[in-house]
Protein backbone atom coordinates (compact mmCIF):
# COMPACT_ATOMS: atom_id res chain seq x y z
CA MET A 1 -0.04 0.06 -0.12
CA LYS A 2 1.14 3.37 -0.92
CA HIS A 3 0.96 4.88 2.69
CA VAL A 4 3.20 2.17 4.09
CA LYS A 5 6.06 3.42 1.63
CA LEU A 6 5.76 6.65 3.53
CA ILE A 7 7.24 5.25 6.68
CA GLY A 8 10.61 4.84 5.29
CA ILE A 9 10.62 8.38 4.06
CA ILE A 10 9.24 9.73 7.61
CA ALA A 11 12.44 8.56 9.41
CA THR A 12 14.36 11.40 7.98
CA LEU A 13 12.00 14.21 8.59
CA THR A 14 11.64 16.31 11.72
CA ALA A 15 8.27 17.85 10.93
CA LEU A 16 5.39 16.86 13.25
CA ILE A 17 3.27 15.86 10.21
CA VAL A 18 4.28 14.43 6.93
CA GLN A 19 2.06 15.25 4.00
CA THR A 20 2.73 13.24 0.81
CA PRO A 21 0.56 13.66 -2.35
CA PHE A 22 -0.59 10.31 -4.04
CA GLY A 23 -0.27 10.17 -7.84
CA ALA A 24 0.46 14.01 -8.41
CA SER A 25 3.39 16.43 -7.88
CA ASN A 26 3.30 18.98 -5.21
CA VAL A 27 2.77 21.69 -7.65
CA GLN A 28 -0.25 19.78 -9.17
CA ALA A 29 -1.59 19.08 -5.73
CA GLN A 30 -1.51 22.82 -4.85
CA ASN A 31 -3.69 23.70 -7.96
CA LYS A 32 -6.70 21.44 -6.85
CA SER A 33 -9.55 22.23 -4.62
CA SER A 34 -9.25 21.67 -0.96
CA GLU A 35 -11.61 18.67 -1.43
CA GLN A 36 -9.57 17.05 -4.15
CA THR A 37 -6.53 17.74 -2.04
CA ALA A 38 -7.96 15.83 0.84
CA LYS A 39 -8.37 12.84 -1.42
CA THR A 40 -4.56 13.10 -2.37
CA THR A 41 -2.96 13.73 1.11
CA ALA A 42 -1.87 11.28 3.81
CA TYR A 43 -0.68 12.01 7.27
CA THR A 44 1.48 10.04 9.56
CA LEU A 45 1.84 10.79 13.24
CA LEU A 46 4.83 9.62 14.92
CA ALA A 47 5.05 8.66 18.63
CA ARG A 48 8.17 10.86 19.05
CA ASP A 49 6.05 13.98 17.95
CA ALA A 50 2.91 13.23 20.37
CA LYS A 51 2.08 15.32 23.11
CA LEU A 52 1.77 12.86 26.14
CA THR A 53 -0.55 13.32 29.26
CA GLY A 54 0.11 11.25 32.22
CA ASP A 55 2.97 8.96 33.00
CA LEU A 56 3.62 7.82 29.43
CA GLU A 57 7.17 7.14 28.40
CA LEU A 58 8.65 7.58 24.95
CA GLN A 59 11.40 4.90 24.20
CA ASN A 60 13.94 5.00 21.31
CA LYS A 61 12.99 8.66 20.54
CA GLU A 62 16.38 8.79 18.11
CA LYS A 63 15.10 5.94 16.00
CA GLY A 64 12.38 7.62 14.07
CA THR A 65 9.49 5.51 13.27
CA PHE A 66 10.82 2.91 15.64
CA ALA A 67 10.48 5.31 18.58
CA ALA A 68 7.40 3.92 20.64
CA ILE A 69 5.06 5.11 23.56
CA HIS A 70 5.35 2.83 26.51
CA ASN A 71 3.58 2.62 30.00
CA TRP A 72 0.04 3.23 28.65
CA ASN A 73 -1.82 1.59 31.58
CA SER A 74 -4.55 4.11 32.44
CA THR A 75 -7.65 5.45 30.87
CA LYS A 76 -6.68 8.82 32.29
CA GLN A 77 -3.66 9.08 29.93
CA LYS A 78 -3.79 10.93 26.68
CA ILE A 79 -1.73 10.85 23.44
CA SER A 80 -2.28 13.56 21.03
CA TRP A 81 -1.00 15.50 18.00
CA ASN A 82 -2.13 18.80 16.45
CA THR A 83 -1.98 19.38 12.55
CA ASN A 84 -3.51 21.01 9.72
CA ILE A 85 -5.88 18.52 8.18
CA LYS A 86 -7.96 18.54 5.06
CA LYS A 87 -11.67 17.60 5.59
CA GLY A 88 -12.53 14.23 4.22
CA ARG A 89 -12.72 10.48 5.05
CA TYR A 90 -9.69 8.80 6.37
CA GLN A 91 -8.77 5.25 7.08
CA ILE A 92 -7.03 4.92 10.44
CA ARG A 93 -4.06 2.70 10.68
CA ILE A 94 -1.81 2.27 13.69
CA LYS A 95 1.27 0.14 14.33
CA TYR A 96 1.46 -1.24 17.90
CA ALA A 97 2.63 -4.16 20.08
CA GLU A 98 -0.20 -5.71 22.37
CA PRO A 99 0.63 -9.10 23.76
CA LEU A 100 -2.85 -9.52 25.50
CA SER A 101 -6.32 -9.27 24.18
CA GLY A 102 -9.31 -7.10 25.17
CA SER A 103 -7.90 -3.51 25.34
CA ALA A 104 -9.86 -0.85 23.31
CA ILE A 105 -9.08 2.81 22.59
CA THR A 106 -10.95 5.78 21.03
CA ILE A 107 -9.61 8.11 18.37
CA THR A 108 -11.26 11.63 18.22
CA ILE A 109 -10.84 14.13 15.50
CA GLY A 110 -12.83 17.18 15.95
CA ASN A 111 -16.50 16.17 16.69
CA GLN A 112 -16.03 12.62 15.33
CA GLN A 113 -14.89 9.66 17.25
CA LEU A 114 -13.93 6.07 16.46
CA ALA A 115 -13.80 3.41 19.11
CA THR A 116 -12.15 0.10 18.34
CA LEU A 117 -11.18 -3.23 20.23
CA LEU A 118 -7.47 -3.89 19.32
CA LYS A 119 -6.15 -7.05 18.06
CA GLN A 120 -3.55 -9.05 20.11
CA THR A 121 -0.04 -9.14 18.60
CA ALA A 122 2.79 -12.01 18.88
CA GLY A 123 4.45 -10.35 21.85
CA LYS A 124 5.12 -6.94 23.65
CA ASP A 125 7.99 -6.21 21.24
CA LYS A 126 6.28 -7.70 18.10
CA TYR A 127 4.80 -4.34 16.41
CA GLN A 128 2.11 -5.01 13.72
CA GLU A 129 0.04 -2.62 11.68
CA PHE A 130 -3.73 -2.75 11.72
CA ASP A 131 -6.57 -0.81 10.16
CA LEU A 132 -8.95 0.54 12.79
CA GLY A 133 -11.70 1.89 10.65
CA VAL A 134 -12.82 5.15 8.82
CA ILE A 135 -13.20 8.45 10.45
CA ASN A 136 -14.73 11.66 9.02
CA VAL A 137 -12.97 14.98 9.38
CA ALA A 138 -15.86 17.42 8.93
CA SER A 139 -13.70 20.47 8.40
CA SER A 140 -10.21 21.50 7.38
CA GLY A 141 -7.77 23.36 9.63
CA ASN A 142 -5.67 22.96 12.70
CA THR A 143 -7.21 19.93 14.57
CA GLU A 144 -6.25 17.93 17.59
CA ILE A 145 -6.03 14.04 17.06
CA LEU A 146 -6.52 12.36 20.43
CA LEU A 147 -6.07 8.75 21.33
CA GLN A 148 -7.49 7.56 24.70
CA GLY A 149 -7.68 4.14 26.19
CA ILE A 150 -11.13 3.16 27.26
CA GLN A 151 -10.35 -0.17 28.65
CA LEU A 152 -7.47 -2.12 29.62
CA SER A 153 -6.29 -5.66 28.39
CA LEU A 154 -7.68 -8.68 29.85
CA ILE A 155 -5.84 -11.14 32.39
CA LYS A 156 -7.04 -13.64 34.77
CA ASN A 157 -7.37 -12.42 38.37
CA LYS A 158 -6.77 -14.45 41.67
CA GLU A 159 -10.18 -15.85 41.26
CA GLY A 160 -9.49 -17.06 37.71
CA LYS A 161 -11.87 -14.55 36.19
CA MET A 162 -10.92 -12.41 33.12
CA GLU A 163 -10.64 -8.89 34.09
CA HIS A 164 -9.53 -5.57 32.41
CA SER A 165 -6.40 -4.74 34.40
CA GLN A 166 -3.41 -5.07 32.08
CA SER A 167 -1.77 -2.18 30.05
CA LEU A 168 -2.70 -0.82 26.76
CA PRO A 169 -0.28 -1.19 23.72
CA ASN A 170 3.00 0.15 22.92
CA LEU A 171 2.56 2.60 20.03
CA GLN A 172 4.79 3.55 17.23
CA TRP A 173 2.56 5.72 14.90
CA VAL A 174 -0.78 6.46 13.60
CA SER A 175 -1.56 7.10 9.85
CA LEU A 176 -4.44 8.71 8.08
CA THR A 177 -4.95 7.79 4.49
CA PRO A 178 -7.78 9.16 2.37
CA THR A 179 -10.57 6.78 1.41
CA ASP A 180 -13.94 6.51 0.04
CA LYS A 181 -15.06 3.72 2.14
CA THR A 182 -18.15 4.04 4.57
CA VAL A 183 -17.62 6.04 7.73
CA ASP A 184 -17.36 4.15 10.97
CA SER A 185 -16.95 7.19 13.31
CA THR A 186 -19.93 8.73 15.21
CA PRO A 187 -20.35 12.18 16.70
CA ALA A 188 -18.33 12.52 19.99
CA ASP A 189 -21.50 14.51 21.38
CA ILE A 190 -23.87 11.58 20.37
CA LEU A 191 -26.14 12.34 23.25
CA LYS A 192 -27.59 15.45 21.58
CA SER A 193 -29.39 13.32 19.05
CA PHE A 194 -31.53 11.49 21.32
CA LYS A 195 -35.14 11.06 20.32
CA GLY A 196 -36.77 8.88 22.96
CA LYS A 197 -40.17 7.42 23.45
CA PRO A 198 -41.65 6.40 26.70
CA LEU A 199 -41.06 2.83 27.85
CA PHE A 200 -43.11 3.41 31.04
CA ASP A 201 -46.43 5.43 30.81
CA GLY A 202 -46.11 6.57 34.42
CA LYS A 203 -49.53 4.93 35.32
CA THR A 204 -49.65 1.27 34.45
CA PHE A 205 -47.44 -1.71 33.78
CA ASN A 206 -48.33 -1.97 30.13
CA GLY A 207 -45.37 -3.47 28.41
CA TRP A 208 -43.75 -4.80 31.77
CA THR A 209 -43.99 -7.91 33.65
CA GLY A 210 -42.62 -9.65 36.72
CA ASN A 211 -39.71 -11.77 35.93
CA ASN A 212 -41.07 -14.42 38.14
CA GLY A 213 -44.64 -13.65 37.45
CA LYS A 214 -46.92 -12.50 40.27
CA SER A 215 -44.79 -13.25 42.98
CA SER A 216 -42.15 -10.86 41.69
CA MET A 217 -44.86 -8.09 41.12
CA GLU A 218 -45.68 -8.13 44.86
CA TRP A 219 -42.45 -6.15 45.27
CA PHE A 220 -43.29 -3.35 42.74
CA ARG A 221 -45.85 -0.55 42.48
CA ILE A 222 -46.60 2.59 40.80
CA GLU A 223 -46.53 5.72 42.65
CA ASN A 224 -46.45 9.45 41.63
CA GLY A 225 -45.54 8.49 38.11
CA ALA A 226 -42.64 6.34 39.16
CA ILE A 227 -42.09 2.40 39.41
CA VAL A 228 -41.36 1.65 43.06
CA ALA A 229 -39.22 -1.49 43.73
CA GLY A 230 -38.94 -2.69 47.23
CA ARG A 231 -40.64 -1.98 50.54
CA MET A 232 -39.74 0.10 53.75
CA ASP A 233 -41.85 -1.93 56.07
CA LYS A 234 -40.04 -5.43 55.79
CA PRO A 235 -36.66 -6.87 54.35
CA ILE A 236 -36.52 -8.15 50.79
CA PRO A 237 -36.09 -11.86 50.83
CA ARG A 238 -34.57 -12.33 47.42
CA ASN A 239 -33.72 -10.44 44.20
CA GLU A 240 -36.59 -9.19 42.29
CA PHE A 241 -37.13 -7.68 38.86
CA VAL A 242 -39.74 -6.04 36.61
CA ARG A 243 -38.85 -6.42 33.16
CA THR A 244 -40.09 -5.40 29.59
CA ILE A 245 -42.07 -7.88 27.78
CA ARG A 246 -40.17 -7.51 24.64
CA LYS A 247 -36.46 -7.68 23.94
CA TYR A 248 -34.30 -4.97 22.79
CA LYS A 249 -30.80 -5.04 20.87
CA ASN A 250 -29.42 -1.65 19.89
CA TYR A 251 -30.74 1.36 21.79
CA GLU A 252 -30.21 4.48 23.92
CA LEU A 253 -32.07 4.07 27.36
CA ARG A 254 -32.75 7.10 29.71
CA LEU A 255 -34.21 6.91 33.20
CA LYS A 256 -34.07 8.68 36.71
CA TYR A 257 -33.86 6.86 39.99
CA LYS A 258 -33.47 7.63 43.78
CA VAL A 259 -33.23 5.51 46.74
CA LYS A 260 -35.19 5.57 50.16
CA HIS A 261 -33.02 3.71 52.74
CA THR A 262 -32.11 3.18 56.32
CA ASP A 263 -28.19 2.48 55.80
CA GLU A 264 -25.87 2.43 53.21
CA THR A 265 -26.32 -1.46 52.30
CA TYR A 266 -29.03 -0.63 49.73
CA ASN A 267 -28.73 -2.38 46.49
CA ALA A 268 -30.59 -2.17 43.09
CA GLY A 269 -29.68 -1.67 39.40
CA VAL A 270 -30.86 -1.32 35.79
CA GLN A 271 -30.42 -4.47 33.76
CA PHE A 272 -30.05 -4.44 29.88
CA ARG A 273 -29.63 -7.04 27.27
CA THR A 274 -30.57 -9.55 29.94
CA ARG A 275 -32.27 -12.90 29.92
CA GLN A 276 -34.34 -14.90 32.48
CA GLN A 277 -32.30 -17.35 34.53
CA THR A 278 -33.67 -20.91 33.96
CA GLU A 279 -31.69 -22.77 36.54
CA LYS A 280 -34.19 -24.53 38.98
CA GLY A 281 -34.68 -22.45 42.01
CA LYS A 282 -33.26 -19.26 40.53
CA THR A 283 -36.18 -18.28 38.18
CA ASN A 284 -36.39 -14.97 40.01
CA GLU A 285 -33.09 -13.92 38.91
CA MET A 286 -31.90 -12.54 35.39
CA VAL A 287 -28.64 -13.14 33.52
CA GLY A 288 -27.00 -9.96 31.96
CA TYR A 289 -25.47 -6.45 32.17
CA GLN A 290 -26.51 -4.48 35.21
CA ALA A 291 -25.93 -0.72 35.80
CA ASP A 292 -25.71 -0.87 39.61
CA ILE A 293 -27.27 1.32 42.17
CA VAL A 294 -25.01 0.62 45.23
CA ALA A 295 -23.36 2.83 47.87
CA GLY A 296 -19.82 3.71 46.79
CA ILE A 297 -20.19 2.17 43.41
CA LEU A 298 -21.11 4.95 40.85
CA GLY A 299 -21.95 4.17 37.19
CA LYS A 300 -20.45 0.59 37.06
CA VAL A 301 -21.85 -2.24 35.11
CA TYR A 302 -22.04 -5.74 37.00
CA ASP A 303 -22.29 -8.95 34.79
CA GLU A 304 -25.00 -10.47 36.85
CA GLN A 305 -25.47 -14.42 37.00
CA ARG A 306 -22.69 -14.60 34.34
CA ARG A 307 -19.25 -13.42 34.80
CA TRP A 308 -19.76 -12.19 38.46
CA LEU A 309 -17.59 -9.12 38.07
CA TYR A 310 -17.62 -5.55 36.94
CA ILE A 311 -16.83 -5.08 33.34
CA GLY A 312 -14.44 -2.71 31.75
CA ASN A 313 -12.85 0.09 33.45
CA GLN A 314 -14.36 3.21 35.15
CA LEU A 315 -13.71 6.28 33.39
CA ASP A 316 -15.12 8.85 35.69
CA THR A 317 -17.39 9.38 38.64
CA PRO A 318 -19.88 12.21 39.13
CA ALA A 319 -19.33 15.02 41.81
CA ASN A 320 -21.77 15.59 44.68
CA TYR A 321 -23.62 12.28 44.18
CA ASN A 322 -26.68 11.74 46.39
CA ALA A 323 -28.78 8.65 46.10
CA ASP A 324 -31.52 10.06 48.02
CA GLU A 325 -32.17 12.61 45.29
CA TRP A 326 -33.06 11.94 41.56
CA ASN A 327 -30.06 10.76 39.57
CA SER A 328 -30.05 10.03 35.80
CA TYR A 329 -28.79 6.89 33.90
CA ILE A 330 -28.07 6.80 30.38
CA ILE A 331 -27.26 3.42 28.79
CA ARG A 332 -26.29 3.26 25.06
CA CYS A 333 -25.79 -0.16 23.39
CA GLU A 334 -24.53 -0.15 19.91
CA GLY A 335 -23.19 -3.62 18.65
CA PRO A 336 -20.35 -4.54 20.98
CA ARG A 337 -20.06 -1.10 22.38
CA ILE A 338 -21.77 -0.24 25.63
CA ARG A 339 -21.46 3.43 27.14
CA VAL A 340 -22.95 4.60 30.39
CA TRP A 341 -23.51 8.06 31.86
CA LEU A 342 -24.41 8.69 35.52
CA ASN A 343 -25.54 12.39 36.08
CA ASP A 344 -24.31 13.29 32.60
CA VAL A 345 -20.63 12.00 33.55
CA LYS A 346 -19.45 9.13 31.31
CA THR A 347 -18.53 6.34 33.56
CA LEU A 348 -18.07 3.49 31.10
CA ASP A 349 -17.15 2.98 27.50
CA TYR A 350 -17.02 -0.76 27.09
CA ILE A 351 -16.50 -3.01 24.02
CA GLU A 352 -17.45 -6.51 24.60
CA PRO A 353 -14.47 -8.82 23.60
CA TYR A 354 -16.47 -11.84 23.58
CA TYR A 355 -19.34 -10.28 21.28
CA ASN A 356 -18.43 -12.63 18.43
CA LYS A 357 -16.96 -15.51 20.39
CA PRO A 358 -17.80 -17.71 23.18
CA TYR A 359 -16.77 -16.76 26.78
CA PRO A 360 -15.05 -19.75 28.35
CA VAL A 361 -17.38 -22.00 30.07
CA ILE A 362 -20.11 -19.59 29.89
CA GLY A 363 -20.78 -19.62 26.13
CA ALA A 364 -21.98 -16.76 23.97
CA ILE A 365 -22.77 -13.31 25.48
CA ALA A 366 -26.29 -12.05 24.19
CA HIS A 367 -26.50 -9.45 21.81
CA ASP A 368 -30.23 -8.50 22.82
CA GLY A 369 -32.40 -9.03 25.80
CA PHE A 370 -34.87 -7.45 28.29
CA ILE A 371 -34.61 -4.39 30.19
CA ALA A 372 -35.33 -4.90 33.91
CA LEU A 373 -35.44 -2.67 37.15
CA GLN A 374 -34.05 -4.78 40.05
CA ILE A 375 -34.48 -4.40 43.80
CA HIS A 376 -31.91 -6.57 45.55
CA GLU A 377 -32.37 -8.75 48.42
CA GLY A 378 -31.64 -7.12 51.96
CA ILE A 379 -32.69 -4.36 54.19
CA PRO A 380 -35.98 -2.65 53.78
CA CYS A 381 -35.53 -0.07 50.99
CA GLU A 382 -37.23 1.37 48.08
CA THR A 383 -35.65 2.19 44.58
CA TRP A 384 -37.82 4.67 42.60
CA TYR A 385 -37.59 4.79 38.76
CA LYS A 386 -39.18 7.40 36.60
CA ASP A 387 -38.92 9.02 33.16
CA ILE A 388 -37.92 5.86 31.28
CA GLU A 389 -37.42 6.49 27.73
CA ILE A 390 -35.79 4.57 24.90
CA GLN A 391 -34.54 5.26 21.18
CA GLU A 392 -33.89 2.20 19.20
CA LEU A 393 -31.00 2.24 17.20
CA PRO A 394 -30.06 0.42 13.97
């Protein structure tokens, strides 16, 4: 491929960005319109020229294209470049070494963002090139190109469970090559496009049912336009759920909740892409992702009755959180990507590594499922849910 040939040239250049016309001389390129120029100009961003935020380390700086960014082990760290770039569609290609699986990054240019699960390489020093997808650059000009990790690579913990706790890849360069392929990126401010419809009418349980029939519904009622889960007059003997009658796959779900409680052991959550537990004696349970409502655990997603752990890595937490007041959850599911916002703060950006392959012992991870509201067994408490809306996505 032509842009690969650029890499040998780049080693001798000191400029931050190398721009090389394809199939035309520099003079000819200058005479073309900006749109045509965007189709004939590639950009390569070297590790040695990046702005590093956090405790990232640049190794082999003197070796040009072989310089690499190491110690990428946190979602708080950032790698960025600033360059004058022409508008257009670009194929993103990066060269990195990643000995483990399951890590994921986002690439943001202007208001467009591309999220991708990274492939495993042959070893920590075995650098390989991979195409990550196509991003749309909406306007020409000086623009920041930002790389950020959203989940670390997988490794077994002491309990033998796979969790995201290892570092992200060592990175040598990123290239942007003009293309006419379909765009994979989406707006970075995706929440502004929400066009939801009520999933709960505020008056009846139309469209909802108890996960375990009437016995589950004894723990749910409607009051003041909200679904109230639990009771304040007696302990909850087991987990109970009220769920949608139909299943959903790709969507953005929004709701508000608050908790009435007597101490900090309250426990509830919002389940999505979830299924009924079929094991004997556990038919009250559900199997799937759950955005938890637990004291001290803000915006995390637990894999209920399946992997029995919190998935991904927490990106941030909202300030001044108070469970006694109304809080908002936004849950967006698009293929293998799951994003969660608590009180408008993004807490999780997760790409399911087992979306298209079976998880050991467990098997396939469901691509769709019910939406359910939980009250956990334990102390007398109530979790109130209201303003439940959904926008289904392609």
